[in-house]
PDB file of N, CA and C in Angstrom:
ATOM      1  N   UNK A   1      37.225  13.653-103.597  1.00  0.00           N
ATOM      2  CA  UNK A   1      37.324  15.092-104.580  1.00  0.00           C
ATOM      3  C   UNK A   1      38.063  15.273-105.870  1.00  0.00           C
ATOM      4  N   UNK A   2      37.401  15.628-106.751  1.00  0.00           N
ATOM      5  CA  UNK A   2      37.941  15.505-108.046  1.00  0.00           C
ATOM      6  C   UNK A   2      38.676  16.639-108.871  1.00  0.00           C
ATOM      7  N   UNK A   3      39.742  16.440-109.513  1.00  0.00           N
ATOM      8  CA  UNK A   3      40.583  17.397-110.648  1.00  0.00           C
ATOM      9  C   UNK A   3      40.626  18.042-111.067  1.00  0.00           C
ATOM     10  N   UNK A   4      40.869  18.519-111.948  1.00  0.00           N
ATOM     11  CA  UNK A   4      40.835  19.337-113.385  1.00  0.00           C
ATOM     12  C   UNK A   4      39.842  18.184-114.283  1.00  0.00           C
ATOM     13  N   UNK A   5      40.371  17.703-114.058  1.00  0.00           N
ATOM     14  CA  UNK A   5      40.790  16.428-114.689  1.00  0.00           C
ATOM     15  C   UNK A   5      39.556  15.620-114.691  1.00  0.00           C
ATOM     16  N   UNK A   6      39.199  15.298-113.806  1.00  0.00           N
ATOM     17  CA  UNK A   6      38.572  14.584-112.882  1.00  0.00           C
ATOM     18  C   UNK A   6      38.377  13.010-112.036  1.00  0.00           C
ATOM     19  N   UNK A   7      39.666  12.973-112.388  1.00  0.00           N
ATOM     20  CA  UNK A   7      41.122  12.980-111.285  1.00  0.00           C
ATOM     21  C   UNK A   7      40.377  11.974-110.659  1.00  0.00           C
ATOM     22  N   UNK A   8      40.371  11.619-109.066  1.00  0.00           N
ATOM     23  CA  UNK A   8      40.634  10.517-107.806  1.00  0.00           C
ATOM     24  C   UNK A   8      41.511  12.012-107.428  1.00  0.00           C
ATOM     25  N   UNK A   9      41.774  12.748-107.028  1.00  0.00           N
ATOM     26  CA  UNK A   9      43.184  12.982-106.127  1.00  0.00           C
ATOM     27  C   UNK A   9      43.201  12.485-104.606  1.00  0.00           C
ATOM     28  N   UNK A  10      43.266  10.348-104.424  1.00  0.00           N
ATOM     29  CA  UNK A  10      43.259  10.134-103.785  1.00  0.00           C
ATOM     30  C   UNK A  10      42.493  10.660-102.075  1.00  0.00           C
ATOM     31  N   UNK A  11      41.427  11.567-101.633  1.00  0.00           N
ATOM     32  CA  UNK A  11      41.312  12.061-100.876  1.00  0.00           C
ATOM     33  C   UNK A  11      40.611  11.481 -99.852  1.00  0.00           C
ATOM     34  N   UNK A  12      39.692   9.899-100.578  1.00  0.00           N
ATOM     35  CA  UNK A  12      38.961   8.837-100.013  1.00  0.00           C
ATOM     36  C   UNK A  12      37.287   9.687 -98.990  1.00  0.00           C
ATOM     37  N   UNK A  13      37.744  11.372 -99.210  1.00  0.00           N
ATOM     38  CA  UNK A  13      36.419  11.423 -98.149  1.00  0.00           C
ATOM     39  C   UNK A  13      35.021  11.347 -99.058  1.00  0.00           C
ATOM     40  N   UNK A  14      34.831  11.139-100.358  1.00  0.00           N
ATOM     41  CA  UNK A  14      33.640  10.674-101.329  1.00  0.00           C
ATOM     42  C   UNK A  14      33.073   9.032-100.896  1.00  0.00           C
ATOM     43  N   UNK A  15      34.184   8.340-100.342  1.00  0.00           N
ATOM     44  CA  UNK A  15      33.174   6.828 -99.468  1.00  0.00           C
ATOM     45  C   UNK A  15      33.707   5.993-100.555  1.00  0.00           C
ATOM     46  N   UNK A  16      33.696   6.950-101.725  1.00  0.00           N
ATOM     47  CA  UNK A  16      33.513   6.034-103.258  1.00  0.00           C
ATOM     48  C   UNK A  16      35.056   4.618-103.377  1.00  0.00           C
ATOM     49  N   UNK A  17      36.038   5.170-102.556  1.00  0.00           N
ATOM     50  CA  UNK A  17      37.285   4.797-102.442  1.00  0.00           C
ATOM     51  C   UNK A  17      37.793   4.246-101.869  1.00  0.00           C
ATOM     52  N   UNK A  18      39.156   3.932-101.262  1.00  0.00           N
ATOM     53  CA  UNK A  18      39.708   4.305-100.340  1.00  0.00           C
ATOM     54  C   UNK A  18      41.440   3.296-100.299  1.00  0.00           C
ATOM     55  N   UNK A  19      42.599   4.509-100.664  1.00  0.00           N
ATOM     56  CA  UNK A  19      43.662   4.213-101.530  1.00  0.00           C
ATOM     57  C   UNK A  19      44.368   4.714-101.357  1.00  0.00           C
ATOM     58  N   UNK A  20      45.357   3.316 -99.996  1.00  0.00           N
ATOM     59  CA  UNK A  20      46.752   3.984-100.092  1.00  0.00           C
ATOM     60  C   UNK A  20      47.664   4.213-101.010  1.00  0.00           C
ATOM     61  N   UNK A  21      47.930   5.924-100.783  1.00  0.00           N
ATOM     62  CA  UNK A  21      48.864   5.919-102.105  1.00  0.00           C
ATOM     63  C   UNK A  21      50.930   5.628-101.594  1.00  0.00           C
ATOM     64  N   UNK A  22      51.768   5.629-102.421  1.00  0.00           N
ATOM     65  CA  UNK A  22      52.622   4.903-102.512  1.00  0.00           C
ATOM     66  C   UNK A  22      52.843   3.227-101.421  1.00  0.00           C
ATOM     67  N   UNK A  23      52.089   2.374-101.604  1.00  0.00           N
ATOM     68  CA  UNK A  23      53.155   1.329 -99.833  1.00  0.00           C
ATOM     69  C   UNK A  23      52.962   0.412-101.814  1.00  0.00           C
ATOM     70  N   UNK A  24      53.513  -0.534-101.020  1.00  0.00           N
ATOM     71  CA  UNK A  24      54.791  -1.429-101.291  1.00  0.00           C
ATOM     72  C   UNK A  24      53.478  -2.911-101.653  1.00  0.00           C
ATOM     73  N   UNK A  25      52.952  -2.439-100.668  1.00  0.00           N
ATOM     74  CA  UNK A  25      51.387  -3.490-101.260  1.00  0.00           C
ATOM     75  C   UNK A  25      50.214  -3.312-101.425  1.00  0.00           C
ATOM     76  N   UNK A  26      49.603  -2.817-103.393  1.00  0.00           N
ATOM     77  CA  UNK A  26      48.549  -2.927-104.721  1.00  0.00           C
ATOM     78  C   UNK A  26      47.478  -3.031-102.892  1.00  0.00           C
ATOM     79  N   UNK A  27      46.649  -1.559-103.363  1.00  0.00           N
ATOM     80  CA  UNK A  27      45.623  -1.892-102.002  1.00  0.00           C
ATOM     81  C   UNK A  27      44.093  -1.492-102.847  1.00  0.00           C
ATOM     82  N   UNK A  28      42.678  -2.069-103.199  1.00  0.00           N
ATOM     83  CA  UNK A  28      41.991  -1.732-103.761  1.00  0.00           C
ATOM     84  C   UNK A  28      41.056  -1.614-103.892  1.00  0.00           C
ATOM     85  N   UNK A  29      39.783  -0.444-103.578  1.00  0.00           N
ATOM     86  CA  UNK A  29      38.939  -1.317-102.847  1.00  0.00           C
ATOM     87  C   UNK A  29      37.663   0.123-102.777  1.00  0.00           C
ATOM     88  N   UNK A  30      36.922  -0.330-104.419  1.00  0.00           N
ATOM     89  CA  UNK A  30      36.246   1.117-105.425  1.00  0.00           C
ATOM     90  C   UNK A  30      35.044   0.813-106.203  1.00  0.00           C
ATOM     91  N   UNK A  31      34.094   2.066-106.140  1.00  0.00           N
ATOM     92  CA  UNK A  31      33.233   1.532-106.096  1.00  0.00           C
ATOM     93  C   UNK A  31      33.003   2.550-107.078  1.00  0.00           C
ATOM     94  N   UNK A  32      33.705   3.089-108.062  1.00  0.00           N
ATOM     95  CA  UNK A  32      32.907   3.860-108.730  1.00  0.00           C
ATOM     96  C   UNK A  32      32.696   3.370-110.486  1.00  0.00           C
ATOM     97  N   UNK A  33      32.976   2.957-110.649  1.00  0.00           N
ATOM     98  CA  UNK A  33      32.275   2.108-111.758  1.00  0.00           C
ATOM     99  C   UNK A  33      31.314   0.467-111.910  1.00  0.00           C
ATOM    100  N   UNK A  34      30.511  -0.264-112.583  1.00  0.00           N
ATOM    101  CA  UNK A  34      29.883  -0.725-111.567  1.00  0.00           C
ATOM    102  C   UNK A  34      30.302  -2.085-112.566  1.00  0.00           C
ATOM    103  N   UNK A  35      30.448  -2.938-111.469  1.00  0.00           N
ATOM    104  CA  UNK A  35      32.289  -3.729-111.227  1.00  0.00           C
ATOM    105  C   UNK A  35      31.659  -5.023-113.072  1.00  0.00           C
ATOM    106  N   UNK A  36      30.079  -5.005-113.353  1.00  0.00           N
ATOM    107  CA  UNK A  36      30.458  -5.448-115.063  1.00  0.00           C
ATOM    108  C   UNK A  36      30.820  -4.538-116.226  1.00  0.00           C
ATOM    109  N   UNK A  37      31.427  -2.930-115.938  1.00  0.00           N
ATOM    110  CA  UNK A  37      31.986  -2.724-116.244  1.00  0.00           C
ATOM    111  C   UNK A  37      33.508  -2.124-116.703  1.00  0.00           C
ATOM    112  N   UNK A  38      33.158  -2.734-115.453  1.00  0.00           N
ATOM    113  CA  UNK A  38      34.920  -2.002-115.062  1.00  0.00           C
ATOM    114  C   UNK A  38      36.456  -2.724-115.640  1.00  0.00           C
ATOM    115  N   UNK A  39      36.693  -1.769-115.641  1.00  0.00           N
ATOM    116  CA  UNK A  39      37.587  -1.254-116.371  1.00  0.00           C
ATOM    117  C   UNK A  39      39.505  -2.722-116.157  1.00  0.00           C
ATOM    118  N   UNK A  40      39.451  -2.408-115.160  1.00  0.00           N
ATOM    119  CA  UNK A  40      40.578  -3.366-114.227  1.00  0.00           C
ATOM    120  C   UNK A  40      40.237  -4.914-115.057  1.00  0.00           C
ATOM    121  N   UNK A  41      39.273  -5.229-113.894  1.00  0.00           N
ATOM    122  CA  UNK A  41      38.675  -6.642-113.850  1.00  0.00           C
ATOM    123  C   UNK A  41      39.085  -7.338-115.574  1.00  0.00           C
ATOM    124  N   UNK A  42      38.166  -6.656-116.533  1.00  0.00           N
ATOM    125  CA  UNK A  42      38.278  -6.812-117.898  1.00  0.00           C
ATOM    126  C   UNK A  42      39.683  -7.654-118.137  1.00  0.00           C
ATOM    127  N   UNK A  43      40.757  -5.762-117.654  1.00  0.00           N
ATOM    128  CA  UNK A  43      42.033  -6.153-118.027  1.00  0.00           C
ATOM    129  C   UNK A  43      43.257  -7.003-117.640  1.00  0.00           C
ATOM    130  N   UNK A  44      43.060  -7.178-116.178  1.00  0.00           N
ATOM    131  CA  UNK A  44      44.028  -8.107-115.387  1.00  0.00           C
ATOM    132  C   UNK A  44      43.522  -9.663-115.695  1.00  0.00           C
ATOM    133  N   UNK A  45      44.450  -9.918-116.130  1.00  0.00           N
ATOM    134  CA  UNK A  45      45.293 -11.611-116.404  1.00  0.00           C
ATOM    135  C   UNK A  45      45.186 -12.439-115.362  1.00  0.00           C
ATOM    136  N   UNK A  46      45.273 -11.746-114.189  1.00  0.00           N
ATOM    137  CA  UNK A  46      45.540 -12.931-112.983  1.00  0.00           C
ATOM    138  C   UNK A  46      44.654 -13.135-112.288  1.00  0.00           C
ATOM    139  N   UNK A  47      43.752 -12.419-111.957  1.00  0.00           N
ATOM    140  CA  UNK A  47      42.401 -12.475-111.961  1.00  0.00           C
ATOM    141  C   UNK A  47      42.187 -12.427-110.695  1.00  0.00           C
ATOM    142  N   UNK A  48      43.422 -11.068-110.338  1.00  0.00           N
ATOM    143  CA  UNK A  48      43.306 -10.638-108.809  1.00  0.00           C
ATOM    144  C   UNK A  48      41.868  -9.011-107.939  1.00  0.00           C
ATOM    145  N   UNK A  49      41.955  -8.948-109.977  1.00  0.00           N
ATOM    146  CA  UNK A  49      40.292  -7.886-109.102  1.00  0.00           C
ATOM    147  C   UNK A  49      39.863  -8.864-109.758  1.00  0.00           C
ATOM    148  N   UNK A  50      38.378  -7.953-108.779  1.00  0.00           N
ATOM    149  CA  UNK A  50      37.293  -9.198-108.991  1.00  0.00           C
ATOM    150  C   UNK A  50      36.240  -8.525-107.123  1.00  0.00           C
ATOM    151  N   UNK A  51      35.279  -8.352-107.925  1.00  0.00           N
ATOM    152  CA  UNK A  51      33.475  -7.888-106.839  1.00  0.00           C
ATOM    153  C   UNK A  51      33.458  -8.120-106.465  1.00  0.00           C
ATOM    154  N   UNK A  52      34.193  -7.490-104.646  1.00  0.00           N
ATOM    155  CA  UNK A  52      33.170  -8.089-102.912  1.00  0.00           C
ATOM    156  C   UNK A  52      32.251  -7.326-102.421  1.00  0.00           C
ATOM    157  N   UNK A  53      31.318  -7.115-102.463  1.00  0.00           N
ATOM    158  CA  UNK A  53      30.126  -7.115-101.454  1.00  0.00           C
ATOM    159  C   UNK A  53      29.226  -4.919-102.374  1.00  0.00           C
ATOM    160  N   UNK A  54      30.072  -5.802-103.597  1.00  0.00           N
ATOM    161  CA  UNK A  54      29.428  -4.559-104.804  1.00  0.00           C
ATOM    162  C   UNK A  54      30.344  -2.897-105.259  1.00  0.00           C
ATOM    163  N   UNK A  55      31.812  -3.954-104.221  1.00  0.00           N
ATOM    164  CA  UNK A  55      33.184  -3.649-104.202  1.00  0.00           C
ATOM    165  C   UNK A  55      33.980  -4.154-105.289  1.00  0.00           C
ATOM    166  N   UNK A  56      34.877  -2.833-106.066  1.00  0.00           N
ATOM    167  CA  UNK A  56      35.814  -3.500-106.999  1.00  0.00           C
ATOM    168  C   UNK A  56      37.133  -4.691-106.157  1.00  0.00           C
ATOM    169  N   UNK A  57      37.580  -4.833-106.122  1.00  0.00           N
ATOM    170  CA  UNK A  57      38.715  -4.893-104.613  1.00  0.00           C
ATOM    171  C   UNK A  57      39.547  -5.972-105.601  1.00  0.00           C
ATOM    172  N   UNK A  58      40.825  -6.041-104.679  1.00  0.00           N
ATOM    173  CA  UNK A  58      42.430  -6.685-105.171  1.00  0.00           C
ATOM    174  C   UNK A  58      42.092  -7.071-104.502  1.00  0.00           C
ATOM    175  N   UNK A  59      43.818  -8.478-105.227  1.00  0.00           N
ATOM    176  CA  UNK A  59      44.075  -9.302-104.191  1.00  0.00           C
ATOM    177  C   UNK A  59      45.144  -9.416-104.163  1.00  0.00           C
ATOM    178  N   UNK A  60      45.937  -8.437-103.587  1.00  0.00           N
ATOM    179  CA  UNK A  60      46.504  -8.517-103.933  1.00  0.00           C
ATOM    180  C   UNK A  60      48.067  -8.875-103.825  1.00  0.00           C
ATOM    181  N   UNK A  61      47.503 -10.778-103.449  1.00  0.00           N
ATOM    182  CA  UNK A  61      49.116 -11.939-103.509  1.00  0.00           C
ATOM    183  C   UNK A  61      48.643 -12.216-105.291  1.00  0.00           C
ATOM    184  N   UNK A  62      47.812 -12.432-105.517  1.00  0.00           N
ATOM    185  CA  UNK A  62      48.002 -12.773-106.873  1.00  0.00           C
ATOM    186  C   UNK A  62      48.336 -11.615-107.619  1.00  0.00           C
ATOM    187  N   UNK A  63      48.145 -10.568-107.071  1.00  0.00           N
ATOM    188  CA  UNK A  63      48.546  -9.206-108.243  1.00  0.00           C
ATOM    189  C   UNK A  63      50.297  -9.213-108.080  1.00  0.00           C
ATOM    190  N   UNK A  64      51.023  -9.825-109.691  1.00  0.00           N
ATOM    191  CA  UNK A  64      51.919  -9.357-110.047  1.00  0.00           C
ATOM    192  C   UNK A  64      52.164  -8.055-110.525  1.00  0.00           C
ATOM    193  N   UNK A  65      51.872  -7.446-110.376  1.00  0.00           N
ATOM    194  CA  UNK A  65      51.851  -5.422-110.527  1.00  0.00           C
ATOM    195  C   UNK A  65      52.160  -5.555-111.714  1.00  0.00           C
ATOM    196  N   UNK A  66      52.467  -4.923-112.790  1.00  0.00           N
ATOM    197  CA  UNK A  66      51.827  -5.277-114.234  1.00  0.00           C
ATOM    198  C   UNK A  66      51.217  -4.482-114.845  1.00  0.00           C
ATOM    199  N   UNK A  67      50.084  -3.667-113.949  1.00  0.00           N
ATOM    200  CA  UNK A  67      50.258  -2.728-113.716  1.00  0.00           C
ATOM    201  C   UNK A  67      49.776  -2.507-115.340  1.00  0.00           C
ATOM    202  N   UNK A  68      48.686  -3.185-115.535  1.00  0.00           N
ATOM    203  CA  UNK A  68      47.296  -3.379-116.650  1.00  0.00           C
ATOM    204  C   UNK A  68      46.683  -2.741-116.249  1.00  0.00           C
ATOM    205  N   UNK A  69      45.956  -2.620-115.752  1.00  0.00           N
ATOM    206  CA  UNK A  69      44.676  -1.701-115.117  1.00  0.00           C
ATOM    207  C   UNK A  69      45.553  -0.545-114.378  1.00  0.00           C
ATOM    208  N   UNK A  70      46.489  -0.161-113.585  1.00  0.00           N
ATOM    209  CA  UNK A  70      47.363   1.520-113.758  1.00  0.00           C
ATOM    210  C   UNK A  70      46.592   1.988-114.517  1.00  0.00           C
ATOM    211  N   UNK A  71      46.857   1.023-115.684  1.00  0.00           N
ATOM    212  CA  UNK A  71      46.749   2.021-117.308  1.00  0.00           C
ATOM    213  C   UNK A  71      45.171   2.457-117.665  1.00  0.00           C
ATOM    214  N   UNK A  72      44.163   1.016-117.188  1.00  0.00           N
ATOM    215  CA  UNK A  72      43.017   1.481-117.690  1.00  0.00           C
ATOM    216  C   UNK A  72      41.679   2.515-117.244  1.00  0.00           C
ATOM    217  N   UNK A  73      42.815   2.389-115.738  1.00  0.00           N
ATOM    218  CA  UNK A  73      41.497   3.751-114.687  1.00  0.00           C
ATOM    219  C   UNK A  73      40.915   4.264-115.424  1.00  0.00           C
ATOM    220  N   UNK A  74      40.136   4.709-115.182  1.00  0.00           N
ATOM    221  CA  UNK A  74      39.477   6.356-115.560  1.00  0.00           C
ATOM    222  C   UNK A  74      38.835   6.710-114.480  1.00  0.00           C
ATOM    223  N   UNK A  75      39.230   6.801-113.311  1.00  0.00           N
ATOM    224  CA  UNK A  75      39.479   7.532-111.832  1.00  0.00           C
ATOM    225  C   UNK A  75      41.130   8.244-111.939  1.00  0.00           C
ATOM    226  N   UNK A  76      42.418   6.762-112.074  1.00  0.00           N
ATOM    227  CA  UNK A  76      43.716   6.627-111.357  1.00  0.00           C
ATOM    228  C   UNK A  76      43.535   6.817-110.162  1.00  0.00           C
ATOM    229  N   UNK A  77      42.763   5.502-109.645  1.00  0.00           N
ATOM    230  CA  UNK A  77      43.060   5.157-108.141  1.00  0.00           C
ATOM    231  C   UNK A  77      43.929   4.375-107.769  1.00  0.00           C
ATOM    232  N   UNK A  78      44.159   3.264-108.755  1.00  0.00           N
ATOM    233  CA  UNK A  78      45.082   2.856-109.116  1.00  0.00           C
ATOM    234  C   UNK A  78      46.288   2.387-108.894  1.00  0.00           C
ATOM    235  N   UNK A  79      47.113   2.252-107.181  1.00  0.00           N
ATOM    236  CA  UNK A  79      48.449   2.770-107.210  1.00  0.00           C
ATOM    237  C   UNK A  79      49.473   1.631-107.887  1.00  0.00           C
ATOM    238  N   UNK A  80      50.358   0.540-108.592  1.00  0.00           N
ATOM    239  CA  UNK A  80      51.173  -0.054-107.846  1.00  0.00           C
ATOM    240  C   UNK A  80      53.045   0.078-108.246  1.00  0.00           C
TER     241      UNK A  80
END
């Protein structure tokens, strides 16, 4: 489900991603961007964001919560 801006509304009904908002541990399992073009992967200096089974995934143990990925996500799905 997308809002007027075209941003994800975290409904998880489309099946493209699964995000639990407002959690202490960042979670990401997204299939919106092609992995080779995913801006979150490119900007992550900790290599905490990677491809797993075709989905962009976050290793929360490596994540330093710098929020750079949040700033570049085109659908605003990453919540940290």
